[in-house]
Protein backbone atom coordinates (compact mmCIF):
# COMPACT_ATOMS: atom_id res chain seq x y z
CA UNK A 1 -0.07 -128.70 -18.34
CA UNK A 2 3.31 -128.33 -19.94
CA UNK A 3 3.64 -128.45 -23.72
CA UNK A 4 6.52 -129.66 -25.94
CA UNK A 5 6.95 -127.93 -28.72
CA UNK A 6 10.04 -128.03 -32.16
CA UNK A 7 9.99 -125.89 -35.05
CA UNK A 8 11.21 -127.86 -38.71
CA UNK A 9 12.24 -125.82 -41.31
CA UNK A 10 11.70 -127.21 -45.44
CA UNK A 11 13.10 -123.75 -48.04
CA UNK A 12 12.05 -123.75 -50.73
CA UNK A 13 15.87 -124.05 -51.76
CA UNK A 14 17.23 -126.81 -49.60
CA UNK A 15 17.85 -130.85 -50.06
CA UNK A 16 17.71 -131.62 -46.40
CA UNK A 17 16.01 -130.60 -42.37
CA UNK A 18 18.17 -129.34 -40.49
CA UNK A 19 17.15 -128.37 -36.42
CA UNK A 20 18.20 -124.92 -38.03
CA UNK A 21 14.90 -124.46 -40.05
CA UNK A 22 11.51 -124.04 -39.94
CA UNK A 23 8.08 -125.12 -41.06
CA UNK A 24 5.65 -122.10 -40.64
CA UNK A 25 2.21 -123.68 -40.33
CA UNK A 26 1.37 -121.44 -37.52
CA UNK A 27 -2.50 -120.94 -37.49
CA UNK A 28 -3.44 -122.78 -34.16
CA UNK A 29 -3.18 -120.02 -31.82
CA UNK A 30 -3.14 -120.68 -28.02
CA UNK A 31 -1.19 -123.52 -27.83
CA UNK A 32 1.67 -123.00 -25.10
CA UNK A 33 4.58 -124.46 -26.21
CA UNK A 34 8.81 -125.13 -24.38
CA UNK A 35 10.73 -125.08 -27.11
CA UNK A 36 13.19 -127.76 -27.49
CA UNK A 37 15.21 -129.35 -29.89
CA UNK A 38 14.83 -132.18 -31.98
CA UNK A 39 17.53 -134.27 -33.49
CA UNK A 40 16.25 -134.92 -37.55
CA UNK A 41 18.45 -136.93 -39.34
CA UNK A 42 20.32 -134.54 -41.86
CA UNK A 43 21.34 -136.58 -44.62
CA UNK A 44 18.38 -139.82 -44.85
CA UNK A 45 14.95 -137.24 -45.36
CA UNK A 46 14.87 -135.70 -48.64
CA UNK A 47 12.93 -133.27 -48.87
CA UNK A 48 12.27 -131.50 -52.34
CA UNK A 49 10.77 -128.54 -52.57
CA UNK A 50 7.04 -128.60 -51.45
CA UNK A 51 4.40 -127.83 -53.84
CA UNK A 52 3.12 -125.10 -52.09
CA UNK A 53 3.60 -122.69 -49.81
CA UNK A 54 2.83 -122.87 -46.29
CA UNK A 55 2.95 -121.78 -42.69
CA UNK A 56 5.20 -123.24 -38.55
CA UNK A 57 4.05 -126.64 -37.85
CA UNK A 58 3.73 -126.35 -33.99
CA UNK A 59 3.42 -130.17 -31.87
CA UNK A 60 2.09 -129.77 -29.22
CA UNK A 61 1.04 -131.85 -26.13
CA UNK A 62 -1.26 -131.66 -23.09
CA UNK A 63 -3.54 -129.05 -25.01
CA UNK A 64 -7.42 -129.61 -23.88
CA UNK A 65 -9.65 -129.55 -27.34
CA UNK A 66 -11.65 -126.09 -25.96
CA UNK A 67 -7.76 -124.19 -25.48
CA UNK A 68 -9.07 -120.21 -25.93
CA UNK A 69 -7.88 -118.92 -28.75
CA UNK A 70 -6.72 -114.95 -28.51
CA UNK A 71 -9.94 -112.58 -29.20
CA UNK A 72 -12.03 -115.84 -29.48
CA UNK A 73 -12.42 -115.40 -33.83
CA UNK A 74 -13.86 -118.01 -35.43
CA UNK A 75 -11.54 -118.70 -38.51
CA UNK A 76 -14.56 -120.84 -40.79
CA UNK A 77 -16.54 -117.56 -39.98
CA UNK A 78 -14.96 -115.76 -42.21
CA UNK A 79 -14.52 -117.55 -45.31
CA UNK A 80 -17.40 -117.18 -47.99
CA UNK A 81 -20.63 -119.73 -46.88
CA UNK A 82 -20.26 -121.60 -50.38
CA UNK A 83 -16.71 -121.84 -50.41
CA UNK A 84 -16.86 -123.50 -47.49
CA UNK A 85 -19.94 -125.84 -48.10
CA UNK A 86 -17.49 -127.17 -50.75
CA UNK A 87 -14.51 -127.80 -49.11
CA UNK A 88 -15.56 -129.44 -46.45
CA UNK A 89 -17.95 -131.89 -48.74
CA UNK A 90 -14.37 -132.15 -50.75
CA UNK A 91 -13.38 -133.00 -47.60
CA UNK A 92 -15.48 -136.06 -46.31
CA UNK A 93 -15.86 -136.78 -50.39
CA UNK A 94 -11.40 -137.81 -49.35
CA UNK A 95 -12.21 -139.44 -45.78
CA UNK A 96 -10.85 -136.63 -43.60
CA UNK A 97 -7.62 -136.48 -44.96
CA UNK A 98 -6.58 -134.20 -48.17
CA UNK A 99 -4.48 -132.47 -49.28
CA UNK A 100 -4.75 -128.92 -50.76
CA UNK A 101 -4.27 -130.73 -54.35
CA UNK A 102 -7.18 -132.89 -53.19
CA UNK A 103 -9.92 -130.07 -52.60
CA UNK A 104 -9.60 -127.95 -55.27
CA UNK A 105 -10.03 -130.66 -58.41
CA UNK A 106 -12.45 -132.18 -56.23
CA UNK A 107 -14.40 -128.73 -54.47
CA UNK A 108 -13.07 -126.42 -58.05
CA UNK A 109 -11.35 -124.04 -55.36
CA UNK A 110 -8.57 -122.12 -56.83
CA UNK A 111 -5.00 -123.80 -54.39
CA UNK A 112 -6.03 -120.31 -52.36
CA UNK A 113 -8.86 -121.40 -51.55
CA UNK A 114 -8.72 -124.28 -51.02
CA UNK A 115 -5.19 -123.61 -48.40
CA UNK A 116 -8.07 -120.57 -46.90
CA UNK A 117 -10.38 -123.31 -46.11
CA UNK A 118 -8.30 -125.83 -44.61
CA UNK A 119 -6.17 -123.72 -42.51
CA UNK A 120 -9.75 -122.50 -41.25
CA UNK A 121 -11.57 -125.88 -40.90
CA UNK A 122 -8.20 -127.33 -38.97
CA UNK A 123 -8.23 -124.68 -36.75
CA UNK A 124 -11.30 -124.80 -35.39
CA UNK A 125 -12.19 -128.23 -35.44
CA UNK A 126 -9.21 -129.53 -34.40
CA UNK A 127 -7.74 -130.56 -37.02
CA UNK A 128 -3.79 -131.49 -37.53
CA UNK A 129 -1.08 -131.91 -39.81
CA UNK A 130 1.54 -133.90 -42.09
CA UNK A 131 4.38 -133.20 -43.41
CA UNK A 132 5.76 -135.67 -46.13
CA UNK A 133 9.15 -136.43 -47.08
CA UNK A 134 8.99 -134.72 -49.90
CA UNK A 135 7.68 -131.41 -47.95
CA UNK A 136 3.51 -132.48 -48.89
CA UNK A 137 0.85 -130.96 -45.91
CA UNK A 138 -1.77 -132.85 -45.20
CA UNK A 139 -4.80 -132.16 -43.40
CA UNK A 140 -6.44 -134.81 -41.04
CA UNK A 141 -9.58 -134.02 -39.87
CA UNK A 142 -12.27 -135.90 -37.08
CA UNK A 143 -14.80 -137.89 -37.72
CA UNK A 144 -17.42 -135.06 -35.86
CA UNK A 145 -15.39 -132.55 -37.00
CA UNK A 146 -18.91 -130.53 -38.23
CA UNK A 147 -20.01 -131.31 -34.94
CA UNK A 148 -17.50 -129.50 -33.69
CA UNK A 149 -17.68 -126.37 -36.23
CA UNK A 150 -21.41 -126.31 -35.46
CA UNK A 151 -20.74 -126.29 -32.09
CA UNK A 152 -18.28 -123.22 -32.09
CA UNK A 153 -19.81 -121.94 -35.23
CA UNK A 154 -22.83 -119.34 -34.02
CA UNK A 155 -23.35 -118.54 -38.34
CA UNK A 156 -23.16 -122.21 -39.04
CA UNK A 157 -26.12 -122.17 -36.32
CA UNK A 158 -28.03 -118.41 -37.36
CA UNK A 159 -27.61 -119.69 -41.87
CA UNK A 160 -30.28 -122.06 -41.79
CA UNK A 161 -32.70 -120.20 -40.36
CA UNK A 162 -31.12 -116.68 -42.65
CA UNK A 163 -31.85 -118.81 -45.47
CA UNK A 164 -35.56 -119.76 -44.95
CA UNK A 165 -36.34 -115.98 -44.36
CA UNK A 166 -34.81 -115.47 -47.39
CA UNK A 167 -37.11 -117.64 -49.14
CA UNK A 168 -39.52 -116.83 -48.57
CA UNK A 169 -39.37 -113.93 -48.77
CA UNK A 170 -38.53 -114.57 -52.39
CA UNK A 171 -41.56 -116.31 -52.75
CA UNK A 172 -43.52 -113.96 -51.11
CA UNK A 173 -42.42 -112.20 -53.95
CA UNK A 174 -42.97 -114.59 -56.79
CA UNK A 175 -46.91 -115.24 -55.49
CA UNK A 176 -47.84 -111.89 -54.39
CA UNK A 177 -47.40 -111.94 -59.05
CA UNK A 178 -50.37 -114.36 -59.52
CA UNK A 179 -52.94 -112.98 -56.09
CA UNK A 180 -52.67 -110.66 -57.55
CA UNK A 181 -54.06 -111.42 -60.83
CA UNK A 182 -56.98 -112.70 -59.00
CA UNK A 183 -57.65 -109.36 -56.97
CA UNK A 184 -57.73 -107.22 -60.23
CA UNK A 185 -59.98 -109.07 -62.05
CA UNK A 186 -62.46 -108.73 -58.97
CA UNK A 187 -61.63 -105.48 -58.38
CA UNK A 188 -61.95 -103.74 -61.83
CA UNK A 189 -65.07 -106.33 -63.43
CA UNK A 190 -66.81 -105.96 -59.19
CA UNK A 191 -66.42 -102.51 -60.40
CA UNK A 192 -67.43 -102.38 -63.89
CA UNK A 193 -70.59 -104.15 -62.45
CA UNK A 194 -71.42 -100.74 -59.45
CA UNK A 195 -71.09 -98.45 -62.83
CA UNK A 196 -73.83 -99.74 -64.77
CA UNK A 197 -76.00 -100.32 -61.88
CA UNK A 198 -75.42 -97.31 -60.58
CA UNK A 199 -76.41 -95.55 -64.31
CA UNK A 200 -78.76 -97.59 -64.07
CA UNK A 201 -80.73 -96.31 -61.04
CA UNK A 202 -79.27 -92.71 -61.36
CA UNK A 203 -83.08 -91.36 -61.43
CA UNK A 204 -83.31 -92.51 -58.04
CA UNK A 205 -81.36 -90.03 -56.21
CA UNK A 206 -82.15 -91.66 -52.63
CA UNK A 207 -79.83 -93.92 -53.54
CA UNK A 208 -77.14 -91.75 -54.75
CA UNK A 209 -75.49 -90.97 -51.16
CA UNK A 210 -75.41 -94.22 -50.07
CA UNK A 211 -72.12 -97.35 -51.58
CA UNK A 212 -74.18 -99.76 -54.06
CA UNK A 213 -74.42 -103.49 -52.88
CA UNK A 214 -73.20 -104.60 -56.46
CA UNK A 215 -75.31 -108.52 -55.47
CA UNK A 216 -71.41 -110.11 -56.18
CA UNK A 217 -70.27 -111.68 -53.76
CA UNK A 218 -66.31 -112.63 -53.47
CA UNK A 219 -65.78 -115.29 -50.29
CA UNK A 220 -61.98 -115.72 -49.95
CA UNK A 221 -60.76 -117.21 -46.30
CA UNK A 222 -57.96 -116.99 -45.11
CA UNK A 223 -56.78 -120.32 -45.11
CA UNK A 224 -56.57 -120.29 -48.36
CA UNK A 225 -53.53 -119.06 -48.94
CA UNK A 226 -51.20 -122.06 -46.66
CA UNK A 227 -52.55 -124.73 -50.32
CA UNK A 228 -49.19 -122.50 -51.95
CA UNK A 229 -47.34 -121.49 -49.34
CA UNK A 230 -43.78 -122.77 -50.76
CA UNK A 231 -41.31 -121.43 -49.81
CA UNK A 232 -38.70 -124.16 -51.83
CA UNK A 233 -40.55 -123.04 -54.62
CA UNK A 234 -37.63 -123.47 -56.82
CA UNK A 235 -35.32 -126.37 -55.06
CA UNK A 236 -38.74 -128.30 -55.25
CA UNK A 237 -39.74 -127.37 -59.50
CA UNK A 238 -35.70 -128.74 -60.23
CA UNK A 239 -36.63 -131.79 -58.74
CA UNK A 240 -39.51 -132.02 -60.49
CA UNK A 241 -40.10 -133.96 -63.58
CA UNK A 242 -42.84 -132.97 -66.84
CA UNK A 243 -45.18 -135.64 -66.17
CA UNK A 244 -44.06 -135.38 -62.32
CA UNK A 245 -46.82 -133.32 -60.49
CA UNK A 246 -49.38 -129.97 -62.15
CA UNK A 247 -48.76 -126.45 -60.50
CA UNK A 248 -50.73 -124.73 -58.69
CA UNK A 249 -52.70 -121.82 -60.17
CA UNK A 250 -50.10 -119.45 -58.46
CA UNK A 251 -47.36 -121.37 -59.76
CA UNK A 252 -48.63 -120.96 -63.24
CA UNK A 253 -48.96 -117.80 -62.99
CA UNK A 254 -45.73 -117.07 -62.20
CA UNK A 255 -44.00 -118.98 -64.01
CA UNK A 256 -45.87 -117.59 -67.24
CA UNK A 257 -44.83 -113.92 -67.12
CA UNK A 258 -40.98 -114.27 -65.22
CA UNK A 259 -39.91 -118.36 -65.99
CA UNK A 260 -39.09 -120.95 -63.51
CA UNK A 261 -35.49 -119.93 -62.42
CA UNK A 262 -32.03 -120.29 -63.94
CA UNK A 263 -31.57 -123.34 -65.25
CA UNK A 264 -27.42 -123.08 -65.08
CA UNK A 265 -28.00 -121.78 -61.31
CA UNK A 266 -24.05 -122.97 -60.03
CA UNK A 267 -23.08 -124.37 -62.72
CA UNK A 268 -19.71 -122.81 -62.95
CA UNK A 269 -19.07 -124.17 -59.61
CA UNK A 270 -19.44 -127.87 -61.85
CA UNK A 271 -17.34 -126.57 -64.18
CA UNK A 272 -14.20 -126.07 -62.50
CA UNK A 273 -14.89 -129.35 -60.82
CA UNK A 274 -15.21 -131.05 -63.95
CA UNK A 275 -12.09 -129.40 -64.79
CA UNK A 276 -9.98 -130.63 -61.20
CA UNK A 277 -11.63 -133.79 -61.48
CA UNK A 278 -10.10 -134.82 -64.98
CA UNK A 279 -6.45 -132.83 -64.71
CA UNK A 280 -6.23 -134.65 -60.93
CA UNK A 281 -7.71 -138.37 -63.00
CA UNK A 282 -4.76 -137.52 -65.91
CA UNK A 283 -1.29 -137.57 -63.34
CA UNK A 284 -1.20 -133.58 -63.41
CA UNK A 285 -0.83 -133.39 -67.67
CA UNK A 286 -3.25 -132.65 -70.26
CA UNK A 287 -3.36 -130.61 -73.93
CA UNK A 288 -5.45 -127.77 -74.43
CA UNK A 289 -7.45 -129.95 -76.45
CA UNK A 290 -8.42 -131.98 -73.73
CA UNK A 291 -10.00 -129.01 -71.64
CA UNK A 292 -11.93 -127.61 -74.85
CA UNK A 293 -14.58 -129.73 -73.91
CA UNK A 294 -15.27 -127.88 -71.19
CA UNK A 295 -14.85 -124.37 -71.55
CA UNK A 296 -15.42 -121.37 -73.77
CA UNK A 297 -14.35 -121.24 -77.03
CA UNK A 298 -13.42 -118.47 -79.51
CA UNK A 299 -13.79 -120.84 -82.22
CA UNK A 300 -16.32 -122.78 -83.92
CA UNK A 301 -14.78 -124.37 -86.76
CA UNK A 302 -13.57 -127.58 -84.79
CA UNK A 303 -10.05 -125.49 -85.46
CA UNK A 304 -8.08 -124.08 -82.37
CA UNK A 305 -6.13 -120.92 -83.58
CA UNK A 306 -4.92 -120.41 -80.30
CA UNK A 307 -4.06 -121.82 -76.60
CA UNK A 308 -4.88 -118.75 -74.72
CA UNK A 309 -8.49 -120.31 -73.88
CA UNK A 310 -6.17 -121.93 -70.84
CA UNK A 311 -5.35 -119.29 -69.20
CA UNK A 312 -8.27 -119.44 -65.98
CA UNK A 313 -7.23 -122.68 -65.64
CA UNK A 314 -3.96 -122.40 -65.45
CA UNK A 315 -4.64 -119.56 -62.97
CA UNK A 316 -7.20 -121.72 -61.02
CA UNK A 317 -5.03 -124.57 -60.11
CA UNK A 318 -0.94 -123.38 -60.36
CA UNK A 319 -0.33 -124.39 -64.03
CA UNK A 320 3.18 -124.39 -66.28
CA UNK A 321 3.26 -124.90 -70.11
CA UNK A 322 5.84 -127.69 -70.53
CA UNK A 323 7.25 -128.80 -73.82
CA UNK A 324 7.61 -132.30 -75.07
CA UNK A 325 10.20 -133.79 -77.01
CA UNK A 326 8.77 -133.34 -79.81
CA UNK A 327 7.73 -129.49 -79.40
CA UNK A 328 3.74 -130.43 -78.23
CA UNK A 329 2.80 -127.79 -75.86
CA UNK A 330 1.31 -129.71 -72.86
CA UNK A 331 0.28 -128.39 -69.64
CA UNK A 332 1.30 -129.92 -65.92
CA UNK A 333 -0.53 -129.47 -62.68
CA UNK A 334 1.83 -129.66 -60.16
CA UNK A 335 -0.09 -129.48 -56.83
CA UNK A 336 -3.11 -131.96 -58.48
CA UNK A 337 -0.33 -134.59 -59.04
CA UNK A 338 0.67 -134.44 -55.58
CA UNK A 339 -2.89 -136.54 -53.24
CA UNK A 340 -3.53 -138.64 -49.69
CA UNK A 341 -6.27 -140.77 -51.47
CA UNK A 342 -5.81 -144.19 -52.94
CA UNK A 343 -8.56 -143.89 -55.62
CA UNK A 344 -7.33 -145.45 -58.56
CA UNK A 345 -8.49 -143.14 -61.98
CA UNK A 346 -6.83 -143.63 -65.65
CA UNK A 347 -5.39 -146.19 -67.47
CA UNK A 348 -1.93 -145.19 -70.55
CA UNK A 349 -4.25 -147.48 -73.20
CA UNK A 350 -6.75 -145.30 -72.94
CA UNK A 351 -6.27 -143.15 -75.74
CA UNK A 352 -8.21 -144.09 -78.85
CA UNK A 353 -10.40 -145.96 -77.10
CA UNK A 354 -14.34 -145.03 -75.54
CA UNK A 355 -14.51 -142.28 -73.16
CA UNK A 356 -16.22 -143.62 -70.49
CA UNK A 357 -13.06 -146.36 -70.52
CA UNK A 358 -10.45 -144.06 -69.37
CA UNK A 359 -12.52 -140.21 -68.34
CA UNK A 360 -12.59 -141.89 -65.26
CA UNK A 361 -16.34 -141.18 -64.24
CA UNK A 362 -15.91 -137.85 -65.77
CA UNK A 363 -18.50 -136.47 -68.52
CA UNK A 364 -17.10 -135.94 -71.27
CA UNK A 365 -17.85 -132.46 -72.01
CA UNK A 366 -19.81 -129.75 -69.88
CA UNK A 367 -22.65 -129.47 -70.91
CA UNK A 368 -25.70 -125.55 -70.94
CA UNK A 369 -28.97 -126.50 -70.82
CA UNK A 370 -30.96 -124.35 -72.34
CA UNK A 371 -34.11 -122.26 -70.76
CA UNK A 372 -37.81 -122.82 -70.95
CA UNK A 373 -40.34 -119.99 -71.78
CA UNK A 374 -42.11 -121.83 -68.52
CA UNK A 375 -42.57 -125.41 -66.94
CA UNK A 376 -46.50 -125.16 -68.00
CA UNK A 377 -48.89 -127.49 -69.11
CA UNK A 378 -50.42 -126.31 -72.40
CA UNK A 379 -53.68 -126.09 -70.67
CA UNK A 380 -51.92 -124.19 -67.43
CA UNK A 381 -50.55 -121.47 -69.49
CA UNK A 382 -53.79 -121.02 -72.09
CA UNK A 383 -56.01 -121.03 -68.35
CA UNK A 384 -53.21 -117.82 -67.63
CA UNK A 385 -53.54 -116.35 -70.94
CA UNK A 386 -57.16 -116.42 -70.90
CA UNK A 387 -57.88 -114.22 -67.17
CA UNK A 388 -55.07 -112.44 -68.16
CA UNK A 389 -57.40 -111.27 -71.31
CA UNK A 390 -59.83 -111.15 -69.53
CA UNK A 391 -57.88 -108.78 -66.78
CA UNK A 392 -56.58 -107.19 -70.01
CA UNK A 393 -59.51 -106.51 -71.44
CA UNK A 394 -61.72 -105.56 -68.40
CA UNK A 395 -58.98 -102.78 -67.38
CA UNK A 396 -60.09 -101.13 -70.92
CA UNK A 397 -63.47 -101.02 -70.34
CA UNK A 398 -63.31 -99.32 -66.54
CA UNK A 399 -60.96 -97.23 -68.80
CA UNK A 400 -63.62 -95.75 -70.88
CA UNK A 401 -66.54 -95.94 -68.27
CA UNK A 402 -64.52 -93.98 -66.34
CA UNK A 403 -63.86 -91.75 -67.74
CA UNK A 404 -67.11 -90.72 -68.85
CA UNK A 405 -68.67 -91.83 -65.56
CA UNK A 406 -71.48 -88.10 -64.44
CA UNK A 407 -71.80 -90.01 -60.87
CA UNK A 408 -71.39 -89.23 -57.75
CA UNK A 409 -68.69 -92.12 -56.83
CA UNK A 410 -68.94 -94.50 -53.71
CA UNK A 411 -66.40 -94.47 -51.45
CA UNK A 412 -65.26 -98.24 -53.54
CA UNK A 413 -65.16 -96.63 -56.60
CA UNK A 414 -63.51 -94.16 -54.89
CA UNK A 415 -60.92 -96.62 -54.49
CA UNK A 416 -60.51 -98.28 -57.53
CA UNK A 417 -60.51 -95.47 -59.53
CA UNK A 418 -57.39 -93.77 -56.90
CA UNK A 419 -55.54 -97.38 -57.81
CA UNK A 420 -56.69 -97.86 -61.62
CA UNK A 421 -53.12 -97.08 -63.30
CA UNK A 422 -51.76 -99.41 -60.56
CA UNK A 423 -54.11 -102.26 -62.63
CA UNK A 424 -53.54 -100.48 -65.73
CA UNK A 425 -49.48 -101.40 -65.44
CA UNK A 426 -50.01 -104.88 -63.95
CA UNK A 427 -52.33 -105.56 -67.02
CA UNK A 428 -49.71 -104.29 -69.41
CA UNK A 429 -46.57 -106.37 -68.05
CA UNK A 430 -48.36 -109.74 -67.42
CA UNK A 431 -48.13 -109.81 -71.35
CA UNK A 432 -45.32 -107.34 -72.51
CA UNK A 433 -42.40 -108.97 -70.10
CA UNK A 434 -43.10 -112.47 -71.67
CA UNK A 435 -42.84 -111.22 -74.44
CA UNK A 436 -40.00 -109.19 -73.53
CA UNK A 437 -38.16 -112.82 -71.90
CA UNK A 438 -39.00 -114.82 -74.40
CA UNK A 439 -37.00 -113.09 -77.49
CA UNK A 440 -34.24 -112.49 -74.45
CA UNK A 441 -34.45 -116.51 -74.19
CA UNK A 442 -34.39 -117.35 -77.79
CA UNK A 443 -31.27 -115.92 -78.11
CA UNK A 444 -29.07 -116.84 -75.35
CA UNK A 445 -30.49 -120.65 -76.20
CA UNK A 446 -28.92 -119.60 -79.62
CA UNK A 447 -25.57 -119.03 -78.00
CA UNK A 448 -25.99 -122.12 -75.31
CA UNK A 449 -26.70 -124.55 -78.59
CA UNK A 450 -23.24 -123.22 -80.76
CA UNK A 451 -21.37 -123.46 -77.19
CA UNK A 452 -22.55 -126.84 -76.76
CA UNK A 453 -22.13 -127.66 -80.12
CA UNK A 454 -18.02 -126.42 -80.33
CA UNK A 455 -17.93 -128.50 -76.73
CA UNK A 456 -19.26 -131.42 -78.06
CA UNK A 457 -17.86 -131.18 -81.50
CA UNK A 458 -14.39 -131.17 -79.31
CA UNK A 459 -15.11 -133.94 -77.99
CA UNK A 460 -15.90 -136.39 -79.84
CA UNK A 461 -12.38 -135.58 -81.89
CA UNK A 462 -10.51 -137.69 -78.18
CA UNK A 463 -12.67 -140.39 -79.30
CA UNK A 464 -11.33 -140.59 -82.57
CA UNK A 465 -8.31 -138.66 -82.51
CA UNK A 466 -6.12 -138.12 -85.32
CA UNK A 467 -2.57 -139.22 -85.62
CA UNK A 468 -0.56 -135.66 -84.21
CA UNK A 469 -3.78 -135.93 -81.42
CA UNK A 470 -3.30 -138.82 -80.51
CA UNK A 471 0.56 -138.59 -80.22
CA UNK A 472 0.30 -135.64 -78.56
CA UNK A 473 -2.16 -137.58 -76.06
CA UNK A 474 0.28 -140.35 -75.34
CA UNK A 475 3.21 -138.17 -74.62
CA UNK A 476 0.59 -136.26 -71.62
CA UNK A 477 0.39 -139.79 -70.97
CA UNK A 478 3.86 -139.98 -70.29
CA UNK A 479 4.46 -137.17 -68.43
CA UNK A 480 1.99 -137.53 -66.19
CA UNK A 481 2.34 -138.21 -62.18
CA UNK A 482 0.21 -139.15 -59.87
CA UNK A 483 1.91 -139.11 -55.82
CA UNK A 484 -0.36 -141.14 -53.25
CA UNK A 485 0.50 -139.40 -50.37
CA UNK A 486 0.60 -142.47 -47.22
CA UNK A 487 1.19 -142.78 -43.59
CA UNK A 488 4.55 -144.55 -44.49
CA UNK A 489 5.93 -141.19 -45.93
CA UNK A 490 4.86 -138.91 -42.63
CA UNK A 491 7.90 -137.67 -41.33
CA UNK A 492 5.88 -135.17 -38.70
CA UNK A 493 2.53 -134.71 -37.16
CA UNK A 494 0.81 -132.12 -34.86
CA UNK A 495 -1.06 -135.36 -33.33
CA UNK A 496 1.87 -137.65 -32.33
CA UNK A 497 4.43 -136.46 -29.47
CA UNK A 498 7.54 -134.87 -30.81
CA UNK A 499 9.51 -137.30 -28.17
CA UNK A 500 8.21 -140.05 -30.47
CA UNK A 501 8.72 -139.28 -34.20
CA UNK A 502 12.27 -137.71 -32.79
CA UNK A 503 12.84 -141.50 -31.68
CA UNK A 504 11.68 -143.20 -35.05
CA UNK A 505 13.66 -140.60 -37.11
CA UNK A 506 16.18 -141.65 -35.05
CA UNK A 507 15.95 -145.20 -35.52
CA UNK A 508 14.58 -144.77 -39.26
CA UNK A 509 18.46 -142.68 -39.49
CA UNK A 510 20.21 -145.43 -38.04
CA UNK A 511 18.14 -148.51 -40.50
CA UNK A 512 19.34 -146.32 -43.11
CA UNK A 513 23.87 -145.86 -42.16
CA UNK A 514 23.60 -149.37 -41.73
CA UNK A 515 22.16 -149.99 -45.16
CA UNK A 516 24.66 -147.70 -46.78
CA UNK A 517 28.08 -149.54 -45.27
CA UNK A 518 26.28 -153.23 -46.75
CA UNK A 519 26.87 -150.99 -49.78
């Protein structure tokens, strides 16, 4: 099958498109090309400097969707799993037609990560590219791109099984601590009873040589394991409310000793999503005071000594400082000013109004959650502490009895003597670990409270800005700009016949020249 290909160049230093130049978007391997010389208009299409660097577009006709690429590698498998998932969620949220800035702002990824993710996804899912009249590159994905990617990638197919295996292993470790408490109590008090009975019968020499039956019966059915076997413990605990459901005993033991996990797990990703969405919804130009409610600030007095805390944001979203007419420092993010989405956000008259009226759905400040010592109820903690105390008391008593034991131990007692150091460590750590954890959590929550208070203070200052801050915010709104790249601005697409695109370009150029002559 013959194919037609062209090379279109958008040079950062040139202002026009020419047939000699070349756009480098060469990530569709396996496409056989027959070079043709297009006749793009030389004057009619004004190409501005591209907002991001992009590689040579190759358009082709008659290439099957199942074309074999050299090496057969799946590009998406080279991406970190979280980057791939966040990029795909952003693509879905934007309707499958995105710029790099769209994905960066919605997913909280830096621009380089967003670009690599989009290139890999487009390569593996038969996506195509569009180039606007200002040199912006858009990535367009088919509706079933997730199904196509899942069909190609063994890693995506295998990942759910790996996650389930990891979750099951982690939960097995967690429940083992609670199970060990029951086993420890049974072993300790069974041994104490056996030693006491042996002492009372030590006159009967004939009974020393055989194993002692203490009369104590402990029944445990293997089916009892299933009532607490839950590999998704943490996930389910996060979804529970305080009055929703009570923990079972195994959960209570683990929760008391080790806690219920980090309440802020994955919160950094959410922080960058908030920042990216805030910048994009405000036209790509913001002040340091606007970003302060989302960052960790070095001050607690409500005043900014310097604006160095903005540097991570500038690096992540490719921002640059600018000075307005009044000498205020503003921060522009050009990549977040270009979008393929036509969703409205923000208004110029929002300065000084209620936050919910002008933030565009973004939370007004970034709030960290405090750590909880345990999500168990008071009665559940009392039961766990009580059983832990019984176990510790039994270990102390058993230790004293084993030192004074003057009998020939049975095989069971000998086994308990061998593992007794482990029983002592377990009984002691049952209370030492929560005690140490309590001090750590107290310090950690104190720091979290301070950071939340500082961020909230800056958020309130934005609700009722003083005159200088109000002017600074208005200046940022005046300099803001949001360009929606619609289909009417597309001058090149890898999904369309090149001959057709060449004809449309000539027709557009002819009309433009007619307008010039009429003027």
